[in-house]
Amino acid sequence: MAELIPDLVADVRLYAPEEGGRTNQIREDFRCPCAATNAWPPVMMHTAQLMLEGRPISPGESRRMGFAFLTSEGADAMRRAGTFYLWDGKFFAEAVIVA
């Protein structure tokens, strides 16, 4: 498999379970839809793979990471927003683009 190149890099904060976040870690190869707003119902979501570099991330943690979107339109939409939100049945994290 070809190595992924990040479309963008963001500071990500996973919400803690008491904030409505996930209760389990996210591991390598995790993909999820991302949305430019956290409005309900979510619209125009674009799927991305989180680039965790072999280090799981737990609820309540923050980390800078890359995102590889399945389409260039997804990366462009998130770049325009500046901040975007990760979805897995509910919004469980927010990401602020840094590069």
N, C-alpha and C. Protein backbone atom coordinates (compact mmCIF):
# COMPACT_ATOMS: atom_id res chain seq x y z
N MET A 1 0.85 -1.18 0.00
CA MET A 1 0.00 0.00 0.00
C MET A 1 0.89 1.24 0.00
N ALA A 2 0.51 2.23 -0.78
CA ALA A 2 1.27 3.47 -0.85
C ALA A 2 1.12 4.24 0.47
N GLU A 3 2.20 4.93 0.84
CA GLU A 3 2.16 5.73 2.05
C GLU A 3 1.30 6.96 1.82
N LEU A 4 0.47 7.28 2.80
CA LEU A 4 -0.40 8.45 2.70
C LEU A 4 0.38 9.72 2.91
N ILE A 5 -0.03 10.74 2.20
CA ILE A 5 0.52 12.08 2.37
C ILE A 5 -0.61 12.94 2.91
N PRO A 6 -0.38 13.67 4.00
CA PRO A 6 -1.47 14.47 4.56
C PRO A 6 -1.89 15.60 3.63
N ASP A 7 -3.19 15.80 3.53
CA ASP A 7 -3.74 16.95 2.79
C ASP A 7 -3.67 18.20 3.64
N LEU A 8 -3.75 18.01 4.95
CA LEU A 8 -3.65 19.12 5.89
C LEU A 8 -3.23 18.58 7.24
N VAL A 9 -2.79 19.48 8.11
CA VAL A 9 -2.39 19.14 9.47
C VAL A 9 -3.24 19.99 10.41
N ALA A 10 -3.71 19.37 11.50
CA ALA A 10 -4.58 20.08 12.43
C ALA A 10 -4.28 19.69 13.87
N ASP A 11 -4.54 20.63 14.77
CA ASP A 11 -4.52 20.33 16.20
C ASP A 11 -5.90 19.78 16.54
N VAL A 12 -5.93 18.54 17.00
CA VAL A 12 -7.18 17.82 17.24
C VAL A 12 -7.37 17.61 18.73
N ARG A 13 -8.60 17.84 19.17
CA ARG A 13 -8.98 17.54 20.56
C ARG A 13 -10.15 16.59 20.54
N LEU A 14 -9.92 15.37 21.07
CA LEU A 14 -11.02 14.43 21.24
C LEU A 14 -11.80 14.81 22.48
N TYR A 15 -13.12 14.90 22.35
CA TYR A 15 -13.95 15.21 23.51
C TYR A 15 -13.88 14.05 24.50
N ALA A 16 -13.89 14.38 25.77
CA ALA A 16 -13.94 13.37 26.83
C ALA A 16 -15.34 12.74 26.84
N PRO A 17 -15.47 11.53 27.38
CA PRO A 17 -16.80 10.89 27.42
C PRO A 17 -17.86 11.76 28.10
N GLU A 18 -17.48 12.50 29.15
CA GLU A 18 -18.47 13.34 29.85
C GLU A 18 -18.89 14.55 29.02
N GLU A 19 -18.15 14.83 27.93
CA GLU A 19 -18.53 15.90 26.99
C GLU A 19 -19.30 15.33 25.80
N GLY A 20 -19.59 14.04 25.85
CA GLY A 20 -20.30 13.41 24.74
C GLY A 20 -19.37 12.74 23.75
N GLY A 21 -18.09 12.63 24.10
CA GLY A 21 -17.12 12.01 23.20
C GLY A 21 -17.14 10.50 23.25
N ARG A 22 -16.24 9.91 22.51
CA ARG A 22 -16.09 8.46 22.47
C ARG A 22 -15.62 7.94 23.82
N THR A 23 -15.78 6.64 24.01
CA THR A 23 -15.31 6.02 25.24
C THR A 23 -14.08 5.14 25.00
N ASN A 24 -13.69 4.98 23.74
CA ASN A 24 -12.53 4.13 23.44
C ASN A 24 -11.52 4.88 22.57
N GLN A 25 -10.32 4.34 22.54
CA GLN A 25 -9.23 4.92 21.77
C GLN A 25 -9.50 4.85 20.27
N ILE A 26 -8.80 5.73 19.56
CA ILE A 26 -8.76 5.67 18.11
C ILE A 26 -7.38 5.14 17.74
N ARG A 27 -7.36 4.18 16.86
CA ARG A 27 -6.11 3.54 16.46
C ARG A 27 -5.80 3.81 15.00
N GLU A 28 -4.61 3.42 14.61
CA GLU A 28 -4.14 3.58 13.23
C GLU A 28 -5.19 3.07 12.24
N ASP A 29 -5.24 3.66 11.07
CA ASP A 29 -6.17 3.31 9.99
C ASP A 29 -7.61 3.73 10.26
N PHE A 30 -7.84 4.59 11.24
CA PHE A 30 -9.19 5.07 11.53
C PHE A 30 -9.58 6.12 10.51
N ARG A 31 -10.75 5.93 9.92
CA ARG A 31 -11.34 6.90 9.00
C ARG A 31 -12.68 7.34 9.56
N CYS A 32 -13.01 8.61 9.28
CA CYS A 32 -14.31 9.10 9.71
C CYS A 32 -14.72 10.28 8.84
N PRO A 33 -16.02 10.57 8.78
CA PRO A 33 -16.47 11.78 8.12
C PRO A 33 -16.09 13.01 8.93
N CYS A 34 -15.81 14.10 8.22
CA CYS A 34 -15.50 15.39 8.83
C CYS A 34 -16.46 16.42 8.27
N ALA A 35 -16.84 17.37 9.11
CA ALA A 35 -17.78 18.42 8.70
C ALA A 35 -17.22 19.79 9.04
N ALA A 36 -17.52 20.76 8.21
CA ALA A 36 -17.03 22.12 8.40
C ALA A 36 -17.76 22.85 9.53
N THR A 37 -18.91 22.34 9.95
CA THR A 37 -19.63 22.91 11.09
C THR A 37 -20.13 21.75 11.95
N ASN A 38 -20.46 22.07 13.19
CA ASN A 38 -21.03 21.03 14.05
C ASN A 38 -22.54 21.19 14.19
N ALA A 39 -23.15 21.78 13.17
CA ALA A 39 -24.60 21.97 13.15
C ALA A 39 -25.30 20.61 13.00
N TRP A 40 -26.50 20.52 13.53
CA TRP A 40 -27.30 19.31 13.40
C TRP A 40 -28.46 19.58 12.49
N PRO A 41 -28.80 18.72 11.55
CA PRO A 41 -28.06 17.51 11.19
C PRO A 41 -26.81 17.87 10.38
N PRO A 42 -25.79 17.03 10.48
CA PRO A 42 -24.56 17.32 9.73
C PRO A 42 -24.81 17.27 8.23
N VAL A 43 -24.17 18.18 7.53
CA VAL A 43 -24.28 18.22 6.07
C VAL A 43 -22.90 18.30 5.46
N MET A 44 -22.80 17.83 4.23
CA MET A 44 -21.55 17.91 3.46
C MET A 44 -20.36 17.40 4.26
N MET A 45 -20.40 16.15 4.61
CA MET A 45 -19.27 15.57 5.31
C MET A 45 -18.34 14.91 4.30
N HIS A 46 -17.07 14.91 4.62
CA HIS A 46 -16.03 14.36 3.75
C HIS A 46 -15.16 13.41 4.58
N THR A 47 -14.93 12.24 4.07
CA THR A 47 -14.19 11.23 4.82
C THR A 47 -12.68 11.44 4.73
N ALA A 48 -12.03 11.26 5.88
CA ALA A 48 -10.58 11.39 5.96
C ALA A 48 -10.02 10.28 6.82
N GLN A 49 -8.79 9.92 6.53
CA GLN A 49 -8.05 9.02 7.41
C GLN A 49 -7.18 9.85 8.32
N LEU A 50 -7.25 9.57 9.62
CA LEU A 50 -6.41 10.26 10.59
C LEU A 50 -5.04 9.61 10.56
N MET A 51 -4.02 10.41 10.55
CA MET A 51 -2.65 9.92 10.46
C MET A 51 -2.04 9.94 11.86
N LEU A 52 -2.19 8.83 12.56
CA LEU A 52 -1.80 8.74 13.97
C LEU A 52 -0.36 8.29 14.17
N GLU A 53 0.32 7.93 13.11
CA GLU A 53 1.74 7.53 13.17
C GLU A 53 2.00 6.44 14.20
N GLY A 54 1.07 5.48 14.26
CA GLY A 54 1.26 4.33 15.13
C GLY A 54 0.97 4.56 16.60
N ARG A 55 0.48 5.75 16.95
CA ARG A 55 0.19 6.07 18.36
C ARG A 55 -1.30 6.31 18.53
N PRO A 56 -2.01 5.41 19.23
CA PRO A 56 -3.43 5.63 19.47
C PRO A 56 -3.65 6.94 20.22
N ILE A 57 -4.85 7.46 20.10
CA ILE A 57 -5.23 8.66 20.85
C ILE A 57 -6.51 8.34 21.62
N SER A 58 -6.57 8.77 22.85
CA SER A 58 -7.67 8.45 23.75
C SER A 58 -8.61 9.64 23.93
N PRO A 59 -9.86 9.37 24.29
CA PRO A 59 -10.80 10.45 24.58
C PRO A 59 -10.22 11.42 25.60
N GLY A 60 -10.42 12.70 25.36
CA GLY A 60 -9.91 13.74 26.25
C GLY A 60 -8.52 14.23 25.88
N GLU A 61 -7.83 13.53 24.97
CA GLU A 61 -6.48 13.92 24.58
C GLU A 61 -6.50 14.88 23.39
N SER A 62 -5.38 15.59 23.25
CA SER A 62 -5.17 16.49 22.11
C SER A 62 -3.86 16.12 21.45
N ARG A 63 -3.81 16.32 20.12
CA ARG A 63 -2.59 16.01 19.38
C ARG A 63 -2.64 16.69 18.02
N ARG A 64 -1.47 17.04 17.51
CA ARG A 64 -1.35 17.53 16.14
C ARG A 64 -1.21 16.30 15.24
N MET A 65 -2.01 16.26 14.16
CA MET A 65 -1.95 15.11 13.26
C MET A 65 -2.34 15.52 11.84
N GLY A 66 -1.94 14.67 10.92
CA GLY A 66 -2.30 14.86 9.53
C GLY A 66 -3.62 14.20 9.21
N PHE A 67 -4.26 14.68 8.14
CA PHE A 67 -5.50 14.12 7.63
C PHE A 67 -5.33 13.87 6.14
N ALA A 68 -5.65 12.67 5.70
CA ALA A 68 -5.64 12.34 4.28
C ALA A 68 -7.09 12.15 3.85
N PHE A 69 -7.62 13.10 3.08
CA PHE A 69 -9.02 13.04 2.65
C PHE A 69 -9.15 12.17 1.41
N LEU A 70 -10.31 11.55 1.27
CA LEU A 70 -10.55 10.69 0.11
C LEU A 70 -10.70 11.50 -1.17
N THR A 71 -11.08 12.77 -1.02
CA THR A 71 -11.23 13.64 -2.19
C THR A 71 -10.57 14.99 -1.92
N SER A 72 -10.12 15.63 -2.98
CA SER A 72 -9.54 16.97 -2.81
C SER A 72 -10.61 17.97 -2.37
N GLU A 73 -11.86 17.73 -2.75
CA GLU A 73 -12.95 18.62 -2.34
C GLU A 73 -13.09 18.64 -0.82
N GLY A 74 -12.89 17.49 -0.19
CA GLY A 74 -12.99 17.41 1.27
C GLY A 74 -11.93 18.26 1.95
N ALA A 75 -10.69 18.11 1.50
CA ALA A 75 -9.60 18.90 2.08
C ALA A 75 -9.83 20.38 1.86
N ASP A 76 -10.28 20.75 0.66
CA ASP A 76 -10.54 22.16 0.36
C ASP A 76 -11.63 22.74 1.26
N ALA A 77 -12.70 21.96 1.47
CA ALA A 77 -13.82 22.43 2.31
C ALA A 77 -13.36 22.65 3.76
N MET A 78 -12.53 21.75 4.27
CA MET A 78 -12.06 21.90 5.65
C MET A 78 -11.09 23.07 5.76
N ARG A 79 -10.25 23.26 4.75
CA ARG A 79 -9.32 24.40 4.75
C ARG A 79 -10.09 25.71 4.79
N ARG A 80 -11.15 25.80 3.99
CA ARG A 80 -11.95 27.04 3.99
C ARG A 80 -12.57 27.29 5.36
N ALA A 81 -12.97 26.24 6.05
CA ALA A 81 -13.61 26.39 7.36
C ALA A 81 -12.59 26.77 8.44
N GLY A 82 -11.37 26.26 8.34
CA GLY A 82 -10.35 26.54 9.35
C GLY A 82 -10.44 25.63 10.56
N THR A 83 -11.65 25.41 11.04
CA THR A 83 -11.93 24.46 12.12
C THR A 83 -12.96 23.48 11.58
N PHE A 84 -12.77 22.20 11.88
CA PHE A 84 -13.76 21.21 11.45
C PHE A 84 -13.97 20.18 12.54
N TYR A 85 -14.98 19.33 12.34
CA TYR A 85 -15.45 18.43 13.39
C TYR A 85 -15.48 17.00 12.87
N LEU A 86 -15.12 16.05 13.72
CA LEU A 86 -15.05 14.65 13.36
C LEU A 86 -16.30 13.93 13.85
N TRP A 87 -16.82 13.03 13.03
CA TRP A 87 -18.11 12.37 13.26
C TRP A 87 -17.95 10.86 13.31
N ASP A 88 -18.59 10.24 14.28
CA ASP A 88 -18.70 8.78 14.35
C ASP A 88 -20.01 8.47 15.07
N GLY A 89 -21.11 8.76 14.39
CA GLY A 89 -22.42 8.64 15.01
C GLY A 89 -22.81 9.88 15.80
N LYS A 90 -21.82 10.69 16.12
CA LYS A 90 -21.97 11.97 16.81
C LYS A 90 -20.65 12.71 16.63
N PHE A 91 -20.64 14.00 16.86
CA PHE A 91 -19.37 14.73 16.81
C PHE A 91 -18.56 14.34 18.04
N PHE A 92 -17.32 13.88 17.82
CA PHE A 92 -16.51 13.42 18.94
C PHE A 92 -15.18 14.16 19.06
N ALA A 93 -14.90 15.08 18.13
CA ALA A 93 -13.64 15.82 18.20
C ALA A 93 -13.73 17.07 17.34
N GLU A 94 -12.84 18.01 17.62
CA GLU A 94 -12.72 19.20 16.77
C GLU A 94 -11.26 19.35 16.38
N ALA A 95 -11.06 19.92 15.20
CA ALA A 95 -9.71 20.07 14.64
C ALA A 95 -9.54 21.50 14.13
N VAL A 96 -8.41 22.09 14.49
CA VAL A 96 -8.07 23.44 14.04
C VAL A 96 -6.86 23.30 13.11
N ILE A 97 -7.02 23.72 11.88
CA ILE A 97 -5.98 23.56 10.88
C ILE A 97 -4.79 24.46 11.19
N VAL A 98 -3.59 23.86 11.12
CA VAL A 98 -2.36 24.62 11.36
C VAL A 98 -1.46 24.63 10.11
N ALA A 99 -1.67 23.71 9.19
CA ALA A 99 -0.87 23.69 7.96
C ALA A 99 -1.61 22.92 6.86
